[in-house]
Amino acid sequence: MKAAAIVLVCCAVVHAAAVEIPDEWIGTLVVVRLTTGDQVRGELLGRTQRDSIEAIRVRTAIGTATIDLDQIAEIRPLSRSYRHSWQSLLMPTAEPIGDDHSLMSLELMTLGVAAGVGDVVSIMALRSIVPAIPSSHQLSVLDVKATVLQADYQQLDGHLSVAVGGNLAWVNAPNRLQHVWLAGTFTRVRSRLTVMTFYNLSSRDTYDIYAGTFGSVTMRYAPNAVGFGLGLDVQVPSRDDLHVLAELWNSDLARPYQTMLAIGLRLANSAVALDAGVAIASQVVLPIAAVRWTPW
């Protein structure tokens, strides 16, 4: 019993030491996730001690709370509490990935990684892993963006981000698609609106897509087409962990019928985001499912 108590005390000391609270966070709004899973939101007033145990003081809507460091699983500024703002259901936003490096899977048939370089460069790579389909018939995507502007609003809470990017996609090894794009994301306290335009650099207009023994389809996509995207991410007022997502896509403004609507929900905490939704296009309805894990 004595040995077990020593181990518990050591673990508490190590955990408390692992909670980093920079001085610049004092006086700002933070979200504190407790070891019980509960969350406390409020203004970080500073450090203190209670019965020789290090603690922090947080001013909440119902009063000031004193929280021991060994009760804290994670503490983050409110502005950084949502770690998945760099992508909507399918659409990249103008927000940088930053240090929110993620492992991800789309439709449970792909594996990917997303990483940021500072608060400017963001890189996302995705590869399909569908069983019984040859490697040359799999899908690969590489997307790179640079967030060139982040500016706070003058009279509103929130900020504007602007990004330029490009991507390469192989829909089967011989079928390479290339795009450049420009996006702006307008962020408020509980919502984000992304407006995007993109340009198809590919020179072909017809693509034969094979899926092993499952068959093939022919895809038409006009070269030099200009497309448009609109994405909305709204945090549900009564649920900080639940977001409503919606996207509108048009791959070629000269062909209005090439439009897709996607809607879904995101359940997210500081480590994991689970997306579920549906995409509706001309005579096609496709389910959307995604998971993103941000362990760091």
Protein backbone atom coordinates (compact mmCIF):
# COMPACT_ATOMS: atom_id res chain seq x y z
CA MET A 1 0.00 0.00 0.00
CA LYS A 2 2.83 2.38 0.84
CA ALA A 3 4.49 1.73 -2.52
CA ALA A 4 1.21 2.31 -4.36
CA ALA A 5 0.72 5.63 -2.56
CA ILE A 6 4.22 6.73 -3.54
CA VAL A 7 3.50 5.87 -7.18
CA LEU A 8 0.23 7.87 -7.12
CA VAL A 9 1.94 10.89 -5.61
CA CYS A 10 4.73 10.72 -8.21
CA CYS A 11 2.22 10.46 -11.05
CA ALA A 12 0.34 13.50 -9.71
CA VAL A 13 3.55 15.51 -9.51
CA VAL A 14 4.57 14.55 -13.06
CA HIS A 15 1.09 15.37 -14.40
CA ALA A 16 1.01 18.75 -12.64
CA ALA A 17 4.42 19.60 -14.02
CA ALA A 18 3.28 18.67 -17.52
CA VAL A 19 0.50 21.33 -17.51
CA GLU A 20 2.05 24.38 -19.12
CA ILE A 21 0.49 27.78 -18.43
CA PRO A 22 2.42 30.57 -20.17
CA ASP A 23 2.31 33.98 -18.51
CA GLU A 24 0.73 35.52 -21.64
CA TRP A 25 -2.42 33.41 -21.06
CA ILE A 26 -3.19 35.22 -17.80
CA GLY A 27 -6.06 37.63 -18.37
CA THR A 28 -7.35 35.75 -21.44
CA LEU A 29 -10.27 33.37 -21.92
CA VAL A 30 -9.31 29.71 -21.59
CA VAL A 31 -10.95 26.30 -21.73
CA VAL A 32 -9.87 23.87 -19.01
CA ARG A 33 -10.55 20.15 -19.54
CA LEU A 34 -10.51 18.27 -16.25
CA THR A 35 -9.38 14.68 -15.69
CA THR A 36 -13.07 13.85 -15.08
CA GLY A 37 -13.90 14.96 -18.64
CA ASP A 38 -15.75 18.12 -17.53
CA GLN A 39 -14.82 21.49 -19.02
CA VAL A 40 -14.50 24.90 -17.37
CA ARG A 41 -14.47 28.09 -19.45
CA GLY A 42 -13.53 31.51 -18.19
CA GLU A 43 -10.87 34.15 -17.70
CA LEU A 44 -7.57 32.86 -16.34
CA LEU A 45 -6.77 35.07 -13.34
CA GLY A 46 -3.45 33.51 -12.42
CA ARG A 47 -1.68 30.86 -10.37
CA THR A 48 -2.19 30.18 -6.68
CA GLN A 49 -1.68 27.48 -4.07
CA ARG A 50 -4.22 25.56 -2.03
CA ASP A 51 -2.97 23.32 0.80
CA SER A 52 0.55 23.44 -0.71
CA ILE A 53 -0.84 22.22 -4.04
CA GLU A 54 -0.33 24.34 -7.15
CA ALA A 55 -3.58 25.58 -8.65
CA ILE A 56 -5.06 28.19 -10.97
CA ARG A 57 -7.94 30.62 -10.56
CA VAL A 58 -10.51 30.97 -13.34
CA ARG A 59 -13.35 33.51 -13.37
CA THR A 60 -16.41 31.73 -14.80
CA ALA A 61 -19.99 32.88 -15.42
CA ILE A 62 -21.04 31.60 -11.97
CA GLY A 63 -18.02 32.69 -9.94
CA THR A 64 -14.30 32.18 -9.51
CA ALA A 65 -13.06 28.57 -9.50
CA THR A 66 -9.79 27.36 -7.98
CA ILE A 67 -8.57 24.28 -9.84
CA ASP A 68 -5.65 22.10 -8.73
CA LEU A 69 -3.15 21.44 -11.50
CA ASP A 70 -3.37 17.69 -10.91
CA GLN A 71 -7.08 17.91 -11.82
CA ILE A 72 -6.32 19.42 -15.24
CA ALA A 73 -6.02 17.18 -18.30
CA GLU A 74 -5.54 20.10 -20.69
CA ILE A 75 -5.79 23.88 -20.78
CA ARG A 76 -5.91 25.95 -23.96
CA PRO A 77 -6.81 29.54 -24.89
CA LEU A 78 -10.42 29.79 -26.04
CA SER A 79 -9.20 31.03 -29.42
CA ARG A 80 -7.26 27.74 -29.84
CA SER A 81 -9.79 25.35 -28.30
CA TYR A 82 -11.20 24.25 -31.68
CA ARG A 83 -8.31 22.43 -33.36
CA HIS A 84 -10.14 21.32 -36.52
CA SER A 85 -11.00 24.67 -38.11
CA TRP A 86 -8.53 24.13 -40.98
CA GLN A 87 -11.03 21.91 -42.83
CA SER A 88 -14.77 21.62 -43.18
CA LEU A 89 -16.42 18.39 -44.38
CA LEU A 90 -14.48 18.30 -47.66
CA MET A 91 -13.38 21.89 -48.16
CA PRO A 92 -10.08 23.30 -46.89
CA THR A 93 -10.54 26.60 -45.12
CA ALA A 94 -8.11 29.53 -45.06
CA GLU A 95 -7.21 28.76 -41.43
CA PRO A 96 -3.69 27.33 -40.97
CA ILE A 97 -3.11 23.90 -39.45
CA GLY A 98 -0.40 25.38 -37.24
CA ASP A 99 0.60 22.91 -34.55
CA ASP A 100 -2.65 20.93 -34.85
CA HIS A 101 -0.97 18.11 -36.80
CA SER A 102 -3.46 15.33 -37.50
CA LEU A 103 -3.87 11.78 -38.70
CA MET A 104 -7.07 11.33 -40.67
CA SER A 105 -9.31 9.00 -42.63
CA LEU A 106 -12.07 9.91 -45.08
CA GLU A 107 -14.92 7.44 -45.71
CA LEU A 108 -12.86 4.92 -43.68
CA MET A 109 -11.23 3.97 -47.01
CA THR A 110 -8.32 6.43 -46.94
CA LEU A 111 -5.40 7.23 -44.68
CA GLY A 112 -3.86 10.67 -44.50
CA VAL A 113 -1.79 13.12 -42.56
CA ALA A 114 -2.07 16.90 -42.11
CA ALA A 115 0.75 19.06 -40.80
CA GLY A 116 1.53 22.73 -40.43
CA VAL A 117 4.75 24.71 -40.72
CA GLY A 118 4.36 27.65 -38.38
CA ASP A 119 1.09 29.49 -38.89
CA VAL A 120 1.60 29.86 -42.65
CA VAL A 121 2.14 26.62 -44.57
CA SER A 122 -0.31 23.69 -44.31
CA ILE A 123 0.15 20.32 -46.02
CA MET A 124 -2.39 17.51 -46.33
CA ALA A 125 -1.76 14.15 -48.05
CA LEU A 126 -4.36 11.41 -48.51
CA ARG A 127 -4.25 7.95 -50.08
CA SER A 128 -7.09 5.44 -50.55
CA ILE A 129 -6.65 1.89 -49.23
CA VAL A 130 -9.64 0.10 -50.76
CA PRO A 131 -9.16 -3.70 -50.60
CA ALA A 132 -9.18 -5.68 -53.85
CA ILE A 133 -8.33 -2.60 -55.94
CA PRO A 134 -4.88 -2.43 -57.57
CA SER A 135 -2.47 0.24 -56.40
CA SER A 136 -2.64 1.96 -59.81
CA HIS A 137 -6.42 2.37 -59.38
CA GLN A 138 -6.27 3.99 -55.93
CA LEU A 139 -6.86 7.69 -55.23
CA SER A 140 -4.10 10.04 -54.03
CA VAL A 141 -4.42 13.71 -53.05
CA LEU A 142 -1.80 16.28 -52.07
CA ASP A 143 -2.96 19.74 -50.98
CA VAL A 144 -0.69 22.63 -49.95
CA LYS A 145 -1.84 26.05 -48.80
CA ALA A 146 -0.25 29.22 -47.45
CA THR A 147 -2.25 31.42 -45.08
CA VAL A 148 -1.03 34.82 -46.22
CA LEU A 149 -3.23 37.00 -44.00
CA GLN A 150 -4.80 36.82 -40.55
CA ALA A 151 -6.35 40.06 -39.32
CA ASP A 152 -8.68 40.79 -36.39
CA TYR A 153 -11.89 42.67 -37.06
CA GLN A 154 -11.98 46.29 -35.96
CA GLN A 155 -15.40 46.31 -34.26
CA LEU A 156 -16.35 42.61 -34.03
CA ASP A 157 -15.03 39.57 -32.21
CA GLY A 158 -13.20 37.31 -34.66
CA HIS A 159 -10.80 37.53 -37.54
CA LEU A 160 -10.33 37.12 -41.27
CA SER A 161 -7.93 34.60 -42.82
CA VAL A 162 -6.89 34.47 -46.47
CA ALA A 163 -5.05 31.55 -48.07
CA VAL A 164 -3.77 30.53 -51.48
CA GLY A 165 -3.22 26.90 -52.32
CA GLY A 166 -2.85 24.20 -54.90
CA ASN A 167 -3.50 20.50 -55.11
CA LEU A 168 -2.65 17.43 -57.12
CA ALA A 169 -5.00 14.46 -57.33
CA TRP A 170 -4.52 11.13 -59.05
CA VAL A 171 -7.85 9.43 -59.79
CA ASN A 172 -6.08 6.28 -60.98
CA ALA A 173 -2.38 6.73 -61.68
CA PRO A 174 -2.80 8.07 -65.28
CA ASN A 175 -5.53 10.57 -64.36
CA ARG A 176 -3.89 13.60 -62.81
CA LEU A 177 -5.94 16.65 -61.81
CA GLN A 178 -4.34 19.97 -60.84
CA HIS A 179 -5.91 23.04 -59.25
CA VAL A 180 -4.92 26.37 -57.77
CA TRP A 181 -7.31 28.05 -55.36
CA LEU A 182 -7.93 31.13 -53.27
CA ALA A 183 -10.02 31.16 -50.07
CA GLY A 184 -11.12 33.55 -47.36
CA THR A 185 -12.48 32.43 -43.98
CA PHE A 186 -14.54 34.85 -41.91
CA THR A 187 -14.39 33.70 -38.27
CA ARG A 188 -16.76 34.85 -35.51
CA VAL A 189 -17.08 33.55 -31.95
CA ARG A 190 -19.07 30.42 -32.84
CA SER A 191 -19.10 30.32 -36.63
CA ARG A 192 -16.86 30.29 -39.70
CA LEU A 193 -17.77 31.13 -43.29
CA THR A 194 -15.36 30.13 -46.05
CA VAL A 195 -15.57 31.43 -49.62
CA MET A 196 -13.38 29.76 -52.23
CA THR A 197 -12.66 29.92 -55.93
CA PHE A 198 -10.51 27.42 -57.83
CA TYR A 199 -9.13 26.91 -61.32
CA ASN A 200 -8.64 23.60 -63.13
CA LEU A 201 -5.14 23.48 -64.63
CA SER A 202 -5.64 20.07 -66.24
CA SER A 203 -5.68 19.87 -70.03
CA ARG A 204 -7.95 16.85 -70.52
CA ASP A 205 -11.74 16.86 -70.45
CA THR A 206 -12.46 13.12 -70.16
CA TYR A 207 -11.15 10.67 -67.55
CA ASP A 208 -11.73 6.92 -67.49
CA ILE A 209 -11.71 5.84 -63.83
CA TYR A 210 -11.21 2.16 -63.02
CA ALA A 211 -11.78 0.36 -59.72
CA GLY A 212 -10.35 -3.10 -60.31
CA THR A 213 -13.03 -5.75 -60.77
CA PHE A 214 -15.72 -3.33 -59.54
CA GLY A 215 -15.91 -1.71 -62.98
CA SER A 216 -15.24 1.75 -64.38
CA VAL A 217 -16.88 5.11 -65.03
CA THR A 218 -16.14 8.06 -67.29
CA MET A 219 -15.75 11.49 -65.70
CA ARG A 220 -15.98 14.73 -67.66
CA TYR A 221 -14.31 17.86 -66.33
CA ALA A 222 -13.68 20.80 -68.66
CA PRO A 223 -10.08 22.11 -68.74
CA ASN A 224 -9.54 25.69 -67.56
CA ALA A 225 -12.83 25.56 -65.65
CA VAL A 226 -13.37 28.05 -62.84
CA GLY A 227 -15.20 26.70 -59.81
CA PHE A 228 -16.68 28.10 -56.62
CA GLY A 229 -17.14 26.82 -53.09
CA LEU A 230 -18.97 28.04 -50.00
CA GLY A 231 -18.54 26.46 -46.56
CA LEU A 232 -20.22 27.10 -43.19
CA ASP A 233 -19.15 25.78 -39.77
CA VAL A 234 -21.47 26.68 -36.87
CA GLN A 235 -20.97 25.64 -33.25
CA VAL A 236 -24.27 24.58 -31.65
CA PRO A 237 -25.08 27.11 -28.86
CA SER A 238 -25.82 24.53 -26.17
CA ARG A 239 -23.04 22.11 -27.17
CA ASP A 240 -19.44 23.32 -27.45
CA ASP A 241 -18.43 19.93 -28.90
CA LEU A 242 -21.05 19.83 -31.68
CA HIS A 243 -20.79 21.67 -35.02
CA VAL A 244 -23.15 21.90 -37.98
CA LEU A 245 -21.31 21.87 -41.32
CA ALA A 246 -22.61 22.79 -44.77
CA GLU A 247 -20.89 23.20 -48.14
CA LEU A 248 -21.94 24.26 -51.63
CA TRP A 249 -19.69 23.35 -54.57
CA ASN A 250 -19.75 24.15 -58.26
CA SER A 251 -16.88 22.69 -60.28
CA ASP A 252 -17.55 24.79 -63.39
CA LEU A 253 -19.41 28.10 -63.27
CA ALA A 254 -20.24 27.73 -66.97
CA ARG A 255 -22.22 24.57 -66.08
CA PRO A 256 -24.57 25.31 -63.15
CA TYR A 257 -25.78 21.70 -63.07
CA GLN A 258 -22.31 20.61 -61.88
CA THR A 259 -23.23 21.64 -58.34
CA MET A 260 -23.05 19.65 -55.12
CA LEU A 261 -24.50 20.31 -51.65
CA ALA A 262 -22.97 18.68 -48.57
CA ILE A 263 -24.35 18.85 -45.02
CA GLY A 264 -23.22 17.15 -41.85
CA LEU A 265 -22.36 17.21 -38.16
CA ARG A 266 -19.00 17.26 -36.39
CA LEU A 267 -18.46 15.94 -32.86
CA ALA A 268 -15.12 17.31 -31.70
CA ASN A 269 -12.91 17.78 -28.68
CA SER A 270 -9.29 18.90 -28.49
CA ALA A 271 -8.03 15.52 -29.72
CA VAL A 272 -10.62 13.94 -32.05
CA ALA A 273 -13.15 15.12 -34.62
CA LEU A 274 -15.82 12.78 -35.99
CA ASP A 275 -17.73 13.92 -39.11
CA ALA A 276 -20.88 12.41 -40.59
CA GLY A 277 -22.95 13.82 -43.41
CA VAL A 278 -24.27 13.45 -46.91
CA ALA A 279 -23.39 14.95 -50.31
CA ILE A 280 -26.15 15.55 -52.83
CA ALA A 281 -25.32 16.06 -56.50
CA SER A 282 -27.19 15.54 -59.77
CA GLN A 283 -28.91 12.15 -59.40
CA VAL A 284 -26.33 11.05 -56.80
CA VAL A 285 -26.44 10.91 -53.00
CA LEU A 286 -23.19 9.96 -51.24
CA PRO A 287 -22.54 9.47 -47.51
CA ILE A 288 -19.64 11.34 -45.92
CA ALA A 289 -17.71 10.04 -42.92
CA ALA A 290 -14.39 11.24 -41.58
CA VAL A 291 -12.24 11.03 -38.48
CA ARG A 292 -9.33 13.30 -37.51
CA TRP A 293 -7.02 12.57 -34.60
CA THR A 294 -4.80 15.33 -33.26
CA PRO A 295 -2.63 13.59 -30.66
CA TRP A 296 0.02 16.30 -30.28
